[in-house]
């Protein structure tokens, strides 16, 4: 029973590291792909959405 907290701690840390790694890989993949939508909060994302709206409206 004394080893249970150690096992749980290492399992939690391992899960957090694996989740962070997977998230970083997905982010890098999206950055390389030019077809994904950018955040509306960024300057280039806002400009992209305004251009798309002008094309759709016109």
C-alpha atoms as a PDB file:
ATOM      1  CA  UNK A   1       0.000   0.000   0.000  1.00  0.00           C
ATOM      2  CA  UNK A   2       2.915   2.355   0.473  1.00  0.00           C
ATOM      3  CA  UNK A   3       3.749   2.152  -3.214  1.00  0.00           C
ATOM      4  CA  UNK A   4       0.273   3.134  -4.411  1.00  0.00           C
ATOM      5  CA  UNK A   5       0.801   6.929  -4.153  1.00  0.00           C
ATOM      6  CA  UNK A   6       4.080   6.604  -6.058  1.00  0.00           C
ATOM      7  CA  UNK A   7       2.437   4.592  -8.812  1.00  0.00           C
ATOM      8  CA  UNK A   8      -0.453   7.065  -9.062  1.00  0.00           C
ATOM      9  CA  UNK A   9       1.940  10.028  -9.147  1.00  0.00           C
ATOM     10  CA  UNK A  10       4.075   8.526 -11.901  1.00  0.00           C
ATOM     11  CA  UNK A  11       0.992   7.508 -13.857  1.00  0.00           C
ATOM     12  CA  UNK A  12      -0.427  11.020 -13.645  1.00  0.00           C
ATOM     13  CA  UNK A  13       2.866  12.586 -14.693  1.00  0.00           C
ATOM     14  CA  UNK A  14       3.192  10.127 -17.576  1.00  0.00           C
ATOM     15  CA  UNK A  15      -0.314  10.901 -18.757  1.00  0.00           C
ATOM     16  CA  UNK A  16       0.326  14.659 -18.612  1.00  0.00           C
ATOM     17  CA  UNK A  17       3.563  14.315 -20.592  1.00  0.00           C
ATOM     18  CA  UNK A  18       1.920  12.088 -23.218  1.00  0.00           C
ATOM     19  CA  UNK A  19      -1.046  14.457 -23.554  1.00  0.00           C
ATOM     20  CA  UNK A  20       1.272  17.450 -23.952  1.00  0.00           C
ATOM     21  CA  UNK A  21       3.334  15.651 -26.586  1.00  0.00           C
ATOM     22  CA  UNK A  22       0.260  14.667 -28.602  1.00  0.00           C
ATOM     23  CA  UNK A  23      -1.124  18.197 -28.361  1.00  0.00           C
ATOM     24  CA  UNK A  24       2.176  19.712 -29.524  1.00  0.00           C
ATOM     25  CA  UNK A  25       2.340  17.346 -32.498  1.00  0.00           C
ATOM     26  CA  UNK A  26      -1.229  18.238 -33.511  1.00  0.00           C
ATOM     27  CA  UNK A  27      -0.443  21.947 -33.244  1.00  0.00           C
ATOM     28  CA  UNK A  28       2.680  21.561 -35.391  1.00  0.00           C
ATOM     29  CA  UNK A  29       0.684  19.647 -37.982  1.00  0.00           C
ATOM     30  CA  UNK A  30      -1.920  22.424 -38.139  1.00  0.00           C
ATOM     31  CA  UNK A  31       0.788  25.068 -38.465  1.00  0.00           C
ATOM     32  CA  UNK A  32       2.276  23.230 -41.462  1.00  0.00           C
ATOM     33  CA  UNK A  33      -1.123  22.752 -43.092  1.00  0.00           C
ATOM     34  CA  UNK A  34      -2.252  25.906 -44.867  1.00  0.00           C
ATOM     35  CA  UNK A  35      -5.928  24.899 -45.122  1.00  0.00           C
ATOM     36  CA  UNK A  36      -6.939  25.097 -41.475  1.00  0.00           C
ATOM     37  CA  UNK A  37      -8.913  28.033 -40.111  1.00  0.00           C
ATOM     38  CA  UNK A  38      -6.942  30.532 -38.083  1.00  0.00           C
ATOM     39  CA  UNK A  39      -8.135  31.989 -34.820  1.00  0.00           C
ATOM     40  CA  UNK A  40     -10.506  34.921 -35.165  1.00  0.00           C
ATOM     41  CA  UNK A  41      -8.552  36.589 -32.356  1.00  0.00           C
ATOM     42  CA  UNK A  42      -5.365  36.837 -34.418  1.00  0.00           C
ATOM     43  CA  UNK A  43      -4.852  39.667 -36.906  1.00  0.00           C
ATOM     44  CA  UNK A  44      -4.358  37.413 -39.927  1.00  0.00           C
ATOM     45  CA  UNK A  45      -7.278  35.216 -38.878  1.00  0.00           C
ATOM     46  CA  UNK A  46      -9.580  38.207 -38.639  1.00  0.00           C
ATOM     47  CA  UNK A  47      -8.470  39.451 -42.068  1.00  0.00           C
ATOM     48  CA  UNK A  48      -8.998  35.970 -43.523  1.00  0.00           C
ATOM     49  CA  UNK A  49     -12.551  35.799 -42.188  1.00  0.00           C
ATOM     50  CA  UNK A  50     -13.373  39.304 -43.433  1.00  0.00           C
ATOM     51  CA  UNK A  51     -12.090  38.438 -46.921  1.00  0.00           C
ATOM     52  CA  UNK A  52     -14.078  35.200 -46.915  1.00  0.00           C
ATOM     53  CA  UNK A  53     -17.202  37.090 -45.828  1.00  0.00           C
ATOM     54  CA  UNK A  54     -16.758  39.667 -48.594  1.00  0.00           C
ATOM     55  CA  UNK A  55     -16.409  36.900 -51.202  1.00  0.00           C
ATOM     56  CA  UNK A  56     -19.476  35.065 -49.872  1.00  0.00           C
ATOM     57  CA  UNK A  57     -21.570  38.258 -49.812  1.00  0.00           C
ATOM     58  CA  UNK A  58     -20.502  39.457 -53.254  1.00  0.00           C
END
